[in-house]
Structures are given as C-alpha cells and as structure tokens.
C-alpha cells in the first residue's frame, strides 16, 4: 500500500482502540476524527506522529481550542518558534492571527510556498486553527513534494542533487515591499532581516521517512548558489510550475474548529483568495532541530 492510502486506514496503539484515519482525496493529507487534541495520551500521540509522517498533513475537525491549547498541542511535536514578520496575539507570543478583512485585495499565503525557508533552520511544521471563515471559499491547497520530486526525470534529479538554493525573505518582506498589504496581520518590517540569505538544498531528505522531497519555494528562493538569477530563473520557474501540478495536490475545506498540521519538510501550500467575507486562522510554528540536508 502506498504512503497515501486511498481508503480509510487505522493505526493501532498499544492501549486504546485503533485511531480512525480518513485519507483526503488527492495526493496527501488525512483527517482524524473523534479525538480531542487537548487530552491525548502518549499512545495516541505516537499514533498521530506516525500518521503525520505517512500523510504529511493532518486535519482534526471539531476542536475547541484556546491559543494556549493550540500551543500546548504544537509543543508535543517540538519546540515552538515565533514567526519573525508579524505581531503575535496579545499575551500569546507564539500565536499569529492570519486574517483577511472584507475589502482587502491580497491574502497572506496566497502563493505556493513552504513556510519560512529563508531561516537558517526552517520550521518543521505549521499548525493552523480555523477561528472565522467566509460562507464559501477560503480553502487551502497542499502539494506533495515527495511526489513532485519522484516525477522528475533522472537527469533532472541528478542536476538538482548537487544544487543549493539561496533563500531569503527579500521578495515578500524586503525593500520595496513596505506598502504590500498581505491580509490584515500587523506585519513587522525588519528589512535587514529580510535581506539575510541562507543556503539549503533544493532536494532535501526527510529525517523521519528518509525520502527525498523537492524544496524550492519560489517566493523565497532567489537563485542557485554559484549561479546568477538569470541563469537560475528558467529552472526555478519550471520547478515552481511542476510543484503545483494537480496530481500532486489535495485540498482542505475548513470548518470553524478545524485544526491542521502540515509538514514543511515535504509540503507546499497555498491559501486560496476566492472569498469576500472575513477569514481568521491562528498559526503556530514548530521548530526543527537541524538544517535541511
């Protein structure tokens, strides 16, 4: 059976009933129902971690979480880190409200990307919790970067295997973007921080599954190390288009109370901007403990 199963699966824990898992349609993702993430025993948490490695994105419907609850669940996956370019919630420095008010043209996360690849050690995972949603629209798309890599030609895999990408936040948070309004978060304008560059492999190995994944988040990658932007551009544009192919994607339709966790090491995502009413999700990042390799 493939990593992304086409039928409802179960993961058996040692001391409890099997954890019911329903894979999403498409290339990745699964829903876990009937659990309250505030009260998970260790065996259930272990089963969730195994499912996370298998499906890359997990959704938990019908949760009732405070910001502290969301942080506490996220902390079971690893150390929490703060997002560098937005003000957090008052009294909750690890939680950012991702909001878009009526009349705002652009939304935050409205391009295919992985989260914060411009950092020296990018976050391992992102947790998003739905607070307020439009009547229709506002879904999030996810793309399987294992599948995107696997579908490349052997010659392209060989070429990419020796390349490092130059990542930075300049294109979104750097000079000339001061008036760029992405949703209605209170953004932090640290232009010197946005200009810092870090090198990461454009094909990375997942530390848990050991599988190779494409890692070339176009809004944040400037060029290949040792090459100019003009030389790098055609390949990066191809990889960006390739990563978005429908056969690599799945879609999450949010409901109030849905919690999702995505694996930034092997997933890209896109927040669809197809709605007019207010939308608010709360975001928490889980730090990784090693640089991409």
C-alpha atoms as a PDB file:
ATOM      1  CA  UNK A   1       0.000   0.000   0.000  1.00  0.00           C
ATOM      2  CA  UNK A   2       1.321   3.467  -0.860  1.00  0.00           C
ATOM      3  CA  UNK A   3       2.082   6.108   1.743  1.00  0.00           C
ATOM      4  CA  UNK A   4      -1.074   7.941   0.759  1.00  0.00           C
ATOM      5  CA  UNK A   5      -3.777   5.303   1.031  1.00  0.00           C
ATOM      6  CA  UNK A   6      -6.979   5.534  -0.954  1.00  0.00           C
ATOM      7  CA  UNK A   7      -9.195   4.019   1.744  1.00  0.00           C
ATOM      8  CA  UNK A   8      -9.880   4.712   5.377  1.00  0.00           C
ATOM      9  CA  UNK A   9      -6.973   3.411   7.436  1.00  0.00           C
ATOM     10  CA  UNK A  10      -6.252   2.691  11.055  1.00  0.00           C
ATOM     11  CA  UNK A  11      -3.190   2.863  13.232  1.00  0.00           C
ATOM     12  CA  UNK A  12      -3.323   0.542  16.238  1.00  0.00           C
ATOM     13  CA  UNK A  13      -1.953   1.809  19.542  1.00  0.00           C
ATOM     14  CA  UNK A  14      -0.948  -0.365  22.438  1.00  0.00           C
ATOM     15  CA  UNK A  15      -3.579   0.599  24.987  1.00  0.00           C
ATOM     16  CA  UNK A  16      -6.570   2.002  23.148  1.00  0.00           C
ATOM     17  CA  UNK A  17      -8.912   1.465  20.236  1.00  0.00           C
ATOM     18  CA  UNK A  18      -7.446   1.987  16.749  1.00  0.00           C
ATOM     19  CA  UNK A  19      -7.110   5.591  15.663  1.00  0.00           C
ATOM     20  CA  UNK A  20      -9.518   6.160  12.759  1.00  0.00           C
ATOM     21  CA  UNK A  21      -7.871   7.939   9.850  1.00  0.00           C
ATOM     22  CA  UNK A  22      -9.627   9.014   6.657  1.00  0.00           C
ATOM     23  CA  UNK A  23      -7.232   9.980   3.842  1.00  0.00           C
ATOM     24  CA  UNK A  24      -8.217  13.020   1.812  1.00  0.00           C
ATOM     25  CA  UNK A  25      -8.821  12.681  -1.895  1.00  0.00           C
ATOM     26  CA  UNK A  26      -5.732  13.634  -3.848  1.00  0.00           C
ATOM     27  CA  UNK A  27      -2.024  13.210  -3.244  1.00  0.00           C
ATOM     28  CA  UNK A  28      -1.648  13.761   0.500  1.00  0.00           C
ATOM     29  CA  UNK A  29      -3.427  14.531   3.757  1.00  0.00           C
ATOM     30  CA  UNK A  30      -5.773  12.749   6.134  1.00  0.00           C
ATOM     31  CA  UNK A  31      -8.490  13.604   8.653  1.00  0.00           C
ATOM     32  CA  UNK A  32      -8.515  12.236  12.204  1.00  0.00           C
ATOM     33  CA  UNK A  33     -11.885  12.389  13.899  1.00  0.00           C
ATOM     34  CA  UNK A  34     -13.064  11.541  17.369  1.00  0.00           C
ATOM     35  CA  UNK A  35     -10.067  12.894  19.268  1.00  0.00           C
ATOM     36  CA  UNK A  36      -9.645  15.968  21.436  1.00  0.00           C
ATOM     37  CA  UNK A  37      -6.080  17.201  20.957  1.00  0.00           C
ATOM     38  CA  UNK A  38      -6.149  18.729  24.450  1.00  0.00           C
ATOM     39  CA  UNK A  39      -6.414  15.326  26.158  1.00  0.00           C
ATOM     40  CA  UNK A  40      -4.253  12.911  24.173  1.00  0.00           C
ATOM     41  CA  UNK A  41      -2.456  10.104  25.967  1.00  0.00           C
ATOM     42  CA  UNK A  42       1.064   9.183  24.901  1.00  0.00           C
ATOM     43  CA  UNK A  43      -0.016   6.170  22.834  1.00  0.00           C
ATOM     44  CA  UNK A  44      -2.494   8.214  20.845  1.00  0.00           C
ATOM     45  CA  UNK A  45       0.086  10.934  20.319  1.00  0.00           C
ATOM     46  CA  UNK A  46       2.522   8.371  18.986  1.00  0.00           C
ATOM     47  CA  UNK A  47      -0.104   7.156  16.520  1.00  0.00           C
ATOM     48  CA  UNK A  48      -0.711  10.746  15.400  1.00  0.00           C
ATOM     49  CA  UNK A  49       3.015  11.259  14.842  1.00  0.00           C
ATOM     50  CA  UNK A  50       3.127   8.094  12.724  1.00  0.00           C
ATOM     51  CA  UNK A  51       0.160   9.337  10.703  1.00  0.00           C
ATOM     52  CA  UNK A  52       1.838  12.713  10.278  1.00  0.00           C
ATOM     53  CA  UNK A  53       4.914  11.064   8.779  1.00  0.00           C
ATOM     54  CA  UNK A  54       2.704   8.998   6.463  1.00  0.00           C
ATOM     55  CA  UNK A  55       0.203  11.595   5.249  1.00  0.00           C
ATOM     56  CA  UNK A  56       2.238  14.864   5.512  1.00  0.00           C
ATOM     57  CA  UNK A  57      -0.842  16.923   6.505  1.00  0.00           C
ATOM     58  CA  UNK A  58      -3.396  16.045   9.183  1.00  0.00           C
ATOM     59  CA  UNK A  59      -6.694  17.751   9.957  1.00  0.00           C
ATOM     60  CA  UNK A  60      -8.645  17.441  13.196  1.00  0.00           C
ATOM     61  CA  UNK A  61     -12.254  18.647  12.890  1.00  0.00           C
ATOM     62  CA  UNK A  62     -14.465  19.895  15.710  1.00  0.00           C
ATOM     63  CA  UNK A  63     -11.765  21.087  18.080  1.00  0.00           C
ATOM     64  CA  UNK A  64     -12.379  23.751  20.720  1.00  0.00           C
ATOM     65  CA  UNK A  65      -9.042  25.405  21.405  1.00  0.00           C
ATOM     66  CA  UNK A  66      -7.712  28.477  23.107  1.00  0.00           C
ATOM     67  CA  UNK A  67      -4.412  29.860  21.845  1.00  0.00           C
ATOM     68  CA  UNK A  68      -2.739  28.181  24.825  1.00  0.00           C
ATOM     69  CA  UNK A  69      -4.333  24.848  23.864  1.00  0.00           C
ATOM     70  CA  UNK A  70      -3.022  25.164  20.311  1.00  0.00           C
ATOM     71  CA  UNK A  71       0.478  25.941  21.567  1.00  0.00           C
ATOM     72  CA  UNK A  72       0.367  23.018  24.015  1.00  0.00           C
ATOM     73  CA  UNK A  73      -0.548  20.555  21.257  1.00  0.00           C
ATOM     74  CA  UNK A  74       2.079  22.002  18.910  1.00  0.00           C
ATOM     75  CA  UNK A  75       4.706  21.636  21.646  1.00  0.00           C
ATOM     76  CA  UNK A  76       4.182  17.868  21.634  1.00  0.00           C
ATOM     77  CA  UNK A  77       5.799  17.841  18.185  1.00  0.00           C
ATOM     78  CA  UNK A  78       8.753  20.011  19.169  1.00  0.00           C
ATOM     79  CA  UNK A  79       9.933  23.409  20.334  1.00  0.00           C
ATOM     80  CA  UNK A  80       7.701  26.351  19.384  1.00  0.00           C
ATOM     81  CA  UNK A  81       9.223  29.225  17.446  1.00  0.00           C
ATOM     82  CA  UNK A  82       7.875  32.676  16.736  1.00  0.00           C
ATOM     83  CA  UNK A  83       7.181  33.923  13.216  1.00  0.00           C
ATOM     84  CA  UNK A  84       9.572  36.796  12.523  1.00  0.00           C
ATOM     85  CA  UNK A  85       7.486  39.115  10.369  1.00  0.00           C
ATOM     86  CA  UNK A  86       4.126  39.517  12.152  1.00  0.00           C
ATOM     87  CA  UNK A  87       2.980  40.678  15.559  1.00  0.00           C
ATOM     88  CA  UNK A  88       1.569  37.818  17.650  1.00  0.00           C
ATOM     89  CA  UNK A  89      -1.668  37.780  19.604  1.00  0.00           C
ATOM     90  CA  UNK A  90      -1.623  39.848  22.807  1.00  0.00           C
ATOM     91  CA  UNK A  91      -0.430  37.619  25.678  1.00  0.00           C
ATOM     92  CA  UNK A  92       0.326  34.776  23.239  1.00  0.00           C
ATOM     93  CA  UNK A  93       3.730  35.496  21.664  1.00  0.00           C
ATOM     94  CA  UNK A  94       3.829  32.156  19.839  1.00  0.00           C
ATOM     95  CA  UNK A  95       0.495  32.590  18.005  1.00  0.00           C
ATOM     96  CA  UNK A  96      -0.119  34.758  14.939  1.00  0.00           C
ATOM     97  CA  UNK A  97      -3.640  35.588  13.736  1.00  0.00           C
ATOM     98  CA  UNK A  98      -3.707  35.204   9.940  1.00  0.00           C
ATOM     99  CA  UNK A  99      -6.602  37.472   8.987  1.00  0.00           C
ATOM    100  CA  UNK A 100      -8.178  38.989   5.917  1.00  0.00           C
ATOM    101  CA  UNK A 101     -10.900  41.579   6.299  1.00  0.00           C
ATOM    102  CA  UNK A 102     -13.563  42.450   3.697  1.00  0.00           C
ATOM    103  CA  UNK A 103     -12.110  44.812   1.137  1.00  0.00           C
ATOM    104  CA  UNK A 104      -8.532  43.549   1.426  1.00  0.00           C
ATOM    105  CA  UNK A 105      -7.276  42.576  -2.018  1.00  0.00           C
ATOM    106  CA  UNK A 106      -4.371  40.247  -1.208  1.00  0.00           C
ATOM    107  CA  UNK A 107      -4.230  37.490   1.376  1.00  0.00           C
ATOM    108  CA  UNK A 108      -1.340  36.143   3.408  1.00  0.00           C
ATOM    109  CA  UNK A 109      -0.013  32.877   1.981  1.00  0.00           C
ATOM    110  CA  UNK A 110      -1.597  33.443  -1.411  1.00  0.00           C
ATOM    111  CA  UNK A 111       1.324  31.927  -3.343  1.00  0.00           C
ATOM    112  CA  UNK A 112       2.544  28.342  -3.351  1.00  0.00           C
ATOM    113  CA  UNK A 113       5.263  28.104  -0.710  1.00  0.00           C
ATOM    114  CA  UNK A 114       6.746  26.290   2.245  1.00  0.00           C
ATOM    115  CA  UNK A 115       6.877  28.283   5.467  1.00  0.00           C
ATOM    116  CA  UNK A 116       9.955  30.374   6.255  1.00  0.00           C
ATOM    117  CA  UNK A 117      12.586  28.544   4.169  1.00  0.00           C
ATOM    118  CA  UNK A 118      14.655  31.733   4.436  1.00  0.00           C
ATOM    119  CA  UNK A 119      15.560  30.904   8.049  1.00  0.00           C
ATOM    120  CA  UNK A 120      18.865  29.172   8.907  1.00  0.00           C
ATOM    121  CA  UNK A 121      16.763  26.291  10.244  1.00  0.00           C
ATOM    122  CA  UNK A 122      13.241  26.488   8.730  1.00  0.00           C
ATOM    123  CA  UNK A 123      10.272  25.355  10.849  1.00  0.00           C
ATOM    124  CA  UNK A 124       9.486  21.665  10.863  1.00  0.00           C
ATOM    125  CA  UNK A 125       5.707  22.095  10.959  1.00  0.00           C
ATOM    126  CA  UNK A 126       2.934  24.664  10.931  1.00  0.00           C
ATOM    127  CA  UNK A 127      -0.334  24.341  12.846  1.00  0.00           C
ATOM    128  CA  UNK A 128      -3.366  26.302  11.624  1.00  0.00           C
ATOM    129  CA  UNK A 129      -6.623  26.583  13.551  1.00  0.00           C
ATOM    130  CA  UNK A 130      -9.805  27.966  11.980  1.00  0.00           C
ATOM    131  CA  UNK A 131     -11.455  30.738  14.008  1.00  0.00           C
ATOM    132  CA  UNK A 132     -13.685  32.550  11.497  1.00  0.00           C
ATOM    133  CA  UNK A 133     -14.403  31.602   7.903  1.00  0.00           C
ATOM    134  CA  UNK A 134     -16.222  33.016   4.884  1.00  0.00           C
ATOM    135  CA  UNK A 135     -19.517  31.476   3.806  1.00  0.00           C
ATOM    136  CA  UNK A 136     -17.731  29.952   0.839  1.00  0.00           C
ATOM    137  CA  UNK A 137     -14.164  29.808  -0.380  1.00  0.00           C
ATOM    138  CA  UNK A 138     -11.004  30.246   1.663  1.00  0.00           C
ATOM    139  CA  UNK A 139      -9.787  26.657   1.297  1.00  0.00           C
ATOM    140  CA  UNK A 140      -6.114  25.746   1.493  1.00  0.00           C
ATOM    141  CA  UNK A 141      -4.308  23.689  -1.147  1.00  0.00           C
ATOM    142  CA  UNK A 142      -1.417  21.395  -0.280  1.00  0.00           C
ATOM    143  CA  UNK A 143       1.195  19.841  -2.578  1.00  0.00           C
ATOM    144  CA  UNK A 144       3.190  16.659  -2.033  1.00  0.00           C
ATOM    145  CA  UNK A 145       6.872  17.429  -2.606  1.00  0.00           C
ATOM    146  CA  UNK A 146       7.843  13.749  -2.429  1.00  0.00           C
ATOM    147  CA  UNK A 147       5.624  13.121  -5.438  1.00  0.00           C
ATOM    148  CA  UNK A 148       6.908  16.230  -7.207  1.00  0.00           C
ATOM    149  CA  UNK A 149      10.473  15.017  -6.820  1.00  0.00           C
ATOM    150  CA  UNK A 150       9.683  11.428  -7.784  1.00  0.00           C
ATOM    151  CA  UNK A 151       8.064  12.600 -11.041  1.00  0.00           C
ATOM    152  CA  UNK A 152      11.204  14.393 -12.251  1.00  0.00           C
ATOM    153  CA  UNK A 153      13.423  12.803 -14.882  1.00  0.00           C
ATOM    154  CA  UNK A 154      16.521  11.015 -13.638  1.00  0.00           C
ATOM    155  CA  UNK A 155      18.722  13.600 -15.362  1.00  0.00           C
ATOM    156  CA  UNK A 156      16.925  16.461 -13.616  1.00  0.00           C
ATOM    157  CA  UNK A 157      17.253  14.671 -10.267  1.00  0.00           C
ATOM    158  CA  UNK A 158      20.985  14.393 -10.880  1.00  0.00           C
ATOM    159  CA  UNK A 159      21.281  18.098 -11.718  1.00  0.00           C
ATOM    160  CA  UNK A 160      19.263  19.232  -8.711  1.00  0.00           C
ATOM    161  CA  UNK A 161      21.017  16.867  -6.332  1.00  0.00           C
ATOM    162  CA  UNK A 162      24.143  18.996  -6.444  1.00  0.00           C
ATOM    163  CA  UNK A 163      22.478  22.397  -6.068  1.00  0.00           C
ATOM    164  CA  UNK A 164      21.924  24.671  -3.097  1.00  0.00           C
ATOM    165  CA  UNK A 165      19.266  27.349  -3.216  1.00  0.00           C
ATOM    166  CA  UNK A 166      19.853  30.884  -1.971  1.00  0.00           C
ATOM    167  CA  UNK A 167      16.808  31.648   0.187  1.00  0.00           C
ATOM    168  CA  UNK A 168      15.737  34.948   1.725  1.00  0.00           C
ATOM    169  CA  UNK A 169      12.578  36.894   2.563  1.00  0.00           C
ATOM    170  CA  UNK A 170      13.501  39.854   0.343  1.00  0.00           C
ATOM    171  CA  UNK A 171      10.752  39.281  -2.201  1.00  0.00           C
ATOM    172  CA  UNK A 172       7.961  39.410   0.375  1.00  0.00           C
ATOM    173  CA  UNK A 173       9.345  41.424   3.286  1.00  0.00           C
ATOM    174  CA  UNK A 174      12.344  43.270   1.830  1.00  0.00           C
ATOM    175  CA  UNK A 175      12.959  46.738   0.388  1.00  0.00           C
ATOM    176  CA  UNK A 176      10.184  47.881  -1.895  1.00  0.00           C
ATOM    177  CA  UNK A 177       7.500  45.793  -0.170  1.00  0.00           C
ATOM    178  CA  UNK A 178       6.657  48.321   2.551  1.00  0.00           C
ATOM    179  CA  UNK A 179       3.239  49.015   1.033  1.00  0.00           C
ATOM    180  CA  UNK A 180       2.477  45.406   0.128  1.00  0.00           C
ATOM    181  CA  UNK A 181      -0.645  44.534   2.097  1.00  0.00           C
ATOM    182  CA  UNK A 182      -0.951  40.787   2.628  1.00  0.00           C
ATOM    183  CA  UNK A 183      -4.065  40.223   4.655  1.00  0.00           C
ATOM    184  CA  UNK A 184      -4.631  42.246   7.814  1.00  0.00           C
ATOM    185  CA  UNK A 185      -1.970  40.976  10.188  1.00  0.00           C
ATOM    186  CA  UNK A 186       0.191  43.557  11.918  1.00  0.00           C
ATOM    187  CA  UNK A 187       3.403  42.998   9.990  1.00  0.00           C
ATOM    188  CA  UNK A 188       6.905  43.578  11.329  1.00  0.00           C
ATOM    189  CA  UNK A 189       9.062  45.470   8.842  1.00  0.00           C
ATOM    190  CA  UNK A 190      12.613  44.269   9.508  1.00  0.00           C
ATOM    191  CA  UNK A 191      14.209  44.914   6.157  1.00  0.00           C
ATOM    192  CA  UNK A 192      17.712  43.960   7.282  1.00  0.00           C
ATOM    193  CA  UNK A 193      16.439  40.597   8.478  1.00  0.00           C
ATOM    194  CA  UNK A 194      14.525  40.090   5.230  1.00  0.00           C
ATOM    195  CA  UNK A 195      17.726  40.582   3.244  1.00  0.00           C
ATOM    196  CA  UNK A 196      19.705  37.835   5.011  1.00  0.00           C
ATOM    197  CA  UNK A 197      20.427  34.834   2.795  1.00  0.00           C
ATOM    198  CA  UNK A 198      20.659  31.171   3.759  1.00  0.00           C
ATOM    199  CA  UNK A 199      21.649  28.166   1.675  1.00  0.00           C
ATOM    200  CA  UNK A 200      19.548  24.984   1.625  1.00  0.00           C
ATOM    201  CA  UNK A 201      19.494  22.006  -0.746  1.00  0.00           C
ATOM    202  CA  UNK A 202      16.731  22.191  -3.344  1.00  0.00           C
ATOM    203  CA  UNK A 203      16.288  18.451  -2.864  1.00  0.00           C
ATOM    204  CA  UNK A 204      16.150  17.629   0.830  1.00  0.00           C
ATOM    205  CA  UNK A 205      15.956  14.327   2.691  1.00  0.00           C
ATOM    206  CA  UNK A 206      13.203  13.952   5.254  1.00  0.00           C
ATOM    207  CA  UNK A 207      14.818  12.992   8.584  1.00  0.00           C
ATOM    208  CA  UNK A 208      11.999  10.595   9.537  1.00  0.00           C
ATOM    209  CA  UNK A 209      10.902   8.931   6.298  1.00  0.00           C
ATOM    210  CA  UNK A 210      14.330   9.273   4.574  1.00  0.00           C
ATOM    211  CA  UNK A 211      12.502  10.155   1.349  1.00  0.00           C
ATOM    212  CA  UNK A 212      13.712  12.930  -0.949  1.00  0.00           C
ATOM    213  CA  UNK A 213      11.487  15.968  -1.437  1.00  0.00           C
ATOM    214  CA  UNK A 214      11.667  18.977  -3.723  1.00  0.00           C
ATOM    215  CA  UNK A 215      12.494  22.102  -1.694  1.00  0.00           C
ATOM    216  CA  UNK A 216      12.314  25.138  -3.973  1.00  0.00           C
ATOM    217  CA  UNK A 217       9.701  27.538  -2.604  1.00  0.00           C
ATOM    218  CA  UNK A 218       9.730  30.153  -5.394  1.00  0.00           C
ATOM    219  CA  UNK A 219       8.660  33.259  -3.441  1.00  0.00           C
ATOM    220  CA  UNK A 220      11.709  32.785  -1.214  1.00  0.00           C
ATOM    221  CA  UNK A 221      14.411  31.256  -3.400  1.00  0.00           C
ATOM    222  CA  UNK A 222      16.481  33.815  -5.290  1.00  0.00           C
ATOM    223  CA  UNK A 223      18.890  31.682  -7.303  1.00  0.00           C
ATOM    224  CA  UNK A 224      21.153  28.658  -7.105  1.00  0.00           C
ATOM    225  CA  UNK A 225      24.379  29.077  -5.188  1.00  0.00           C
ATOM    226  CA  UNK A 226      27.175  29.870  -7.645  1.00  0.00           C
ATOM    227  CA  UNK A 227      24.754  30.935 -10.388  1.00  0.00           C
ATOM    228  CA  UNK A 228      23.141  34.216 -11.331  1.00  0.00           C
ATOM    229  CA  UNK A 229      19.418  34.862 -11.048  1.00  0.00           C
ATOM    230  CA  UNK A 230      19.198  34.951 -14.846  1.00  0.00           C
ATOM    231  CA  UNK A 231      20.871  31.552 -15.110  1.00  0.00           C
ATOM    232  CA  UNK A 232      18.789  30.064 -12.311  1.00  0.00           C
ATOM    233  CA  UNK A 233      15.446  31.536 -13.315  1.00  0.00           C
ATOM    234  CA  UNK A 234      14.309  29.079 -16.014  1.00  0.00           C
ATOM    235  CA  UNK A 235      14.935  26.026 -13.834  1.00  0.00           C
ATOM    236  CA  UNK A 236      13.343  27.626 -10.768  1.00  0.00           C
ATOM    237  CA  UNK A 237      10.317  28.657 -12.816  1.00  0.00           C
ATOM    238  CA  UNK A 238       9.990  25.105 -14.118  1.00  0.00           C
ATOM    239  CA  UNK A 239      10.223  23.646 -10.604  1.00  0.00           C
ATOM    240  CA  UNK A 240       7.613  26.110  -9.347  1.00  0.00           C
ATOM    241  CA  UNK A 241       5.177  25.164 -12.118  1.00  0.00           C
ATOM    242  CA  UNK A 242       5.966  21.467 -11.705  1.00  0.00           C
ATOM    243  CA  UNK A 243       5.309  21.500  -7.938  1.00  0.00           C
ATOM    244  CA  UNK A 244       1.801  22.859  -8.498  1.00  0.00           C
ATOM    245  CA  UNK A 245       0.597  20.139 -10.872  1.00  0.00           C
ATOM    246  CA  UNK A 246      -2.868  18.891  -9.866  1.00  0.00           C
ATOM    247  CA  UNK A 247      -1.706  15.296  -9.491  1.00  0.00           C
ATOM    248  CA  UNK A 248       0.489  16.342  -6.547  1.00  0.00           C
ATOM    249  CA  UNK A 249      -2.189  18.270  -4.647  1.00  0.00           C
ATOM    250  CA  UNK A 250      -5.027  17.953  -2.149  1.00  0.00           C
ATOM    251  CA  UNK A 251      -7.492  20.499  -0.789  1.00  0.00           C
ATOM    252  CA  UNK A 252      -8.708  21.231   2.735  1.00  0.00           C
ATOM    253  CA  UNK A 253     -12.144  22.774   3.165  1.00  0.00           C
ATOM    254  CA  UNK A 254     -12.039  24.494   6.536  1.00  0.00           C
ATOM    255  CA  UNK A 255     -14.817  24.477   9.103  1.00  0.00           C
ATOM    256  CA  UNK A 256     -14.781  26.509  12.334  1.00  0.00           C
ATOM    257  CA  UNK A 257     -12.825  24.450  14.836  1.00  0.00           C
ATOM    258  CA  UNK A 258     -10.710  22.590  12.275  1.00  0.00           C
ATOM    259  CA  UNK A 259      -7.066  22.229  13.277  1.00  0.00           C
ATOM    260  CA  UNK A 260      -4.457  21.239  10.698  1.00  0.00           C
ATOM    261  CA  UNK A 261      -0.761  20.455  10.919  1.00  0.00           C
ATOM    262  CA  UNK A 262       1.461  20.387   7.839  1.00  0.00           C
ATOM    263  CA  UNK A 263       4.993  19.112   7.387  1.00  0.00           C
ATOM    264  CA  UNK A 264       7.085  21.930   5.925  1.00  0.00           C
ATOM    265  CA  UNK A 265       9.882  19.496   5.082  1.00  0.00           C
ATOM    266  CA  UNK A 266       7.864  17.832   2.311  1.00  0.00           C
ATOM    267  CA  UNK A 267       4.795  20.034   1.658  1.00  0.00           C
ATOM    268  CA  UNK A 268       4.000  23.296  -0.074  1.00  0.00           C
ATOM    269  CA  UNK A 269       0.684  25.058   0.471  1.00  0.00           C
ATOM    270  CA  UNK A 270      -1.470  27.831  -0.948  1.00  0.00           C
ATOM    271  CA  UNK A 271      -4.200  29.845   0.774  1.00  0.00           C
ATOM    272  CA  UNK A 272      -6.883  30.435  -1.849  1.00  0.00           C
ATOM    273  CA  UNK A 273      -8.024  34.043  -2.191  1.00  0.00           C
ATOM    274  CA  UNK A 274     -11.550  33.423  -3.532  1.00  0.00           C
ATOM    275  CA  UNK A 275     -13.785  34.959  -0.872  1.00  0.00           C
ATOM    276  CA  UNK A 276     -15.055  38.338   0.326  1.00  0.00           C
ATOM    277  CA  UNK A 277     -16.060  37.789   3.953  1.00  0.00           C
ATOM    278  CA  UNK A 278     -13.714  37.878   6.944  1.00  0.00           C
ATOM    279  CA  UNK A 279     -11.340  34.953   7.495  1.00  0.00           C
ATOM    280  CA  UNK A 280      -9.130  34.289  10.527  1.00  0.00           C
ATOM    281  CA  UNK A 281      -6.837  31.364  11.261  1.00  0.00           C
ATOM    282  CA  UNK A 282      -4.375  31.089  14.131  1.00  0.00           C
ATOM    283  CA  UNK A 283      -0.888  29.939  13.223  1.00  0.00           C
ATOM    284  CA  UNK A 284       1.816  28.289  15.355  1.00  0.00           C
ATOM    285  CA  UNK A 285       5.212  27.120  14.056  1.00  0.00           C
ATOM    286  CA  UNK A 286       7.162  24.126  15.360  1.00  0.00           C
ATOM    287  CA  UNK A 287      10.937  24.477  15.126  1.00  0.00           C
ATOM    288  CA  UNK A 288      13.181  21.885  13.538  1.00  0.00           C
ATOM    289  CA  UNK A 289      16.368  20.749  15.257  1.00  0.00           C
ATOM    290  CA  UNK A 290      18.602  20.550  12.189  1.00  0.00           C
ATOM    291  CA  UNK A 291      19.236  22.312   8.908  1.00  0.00           C
ATOM    292  CA  UNK A 292      17.779  20.753   5.756  1.00  0.00           C
ATOM    293  CA  UNK A 293      20.099  18.122   4.277  1.00  0.00           C
END
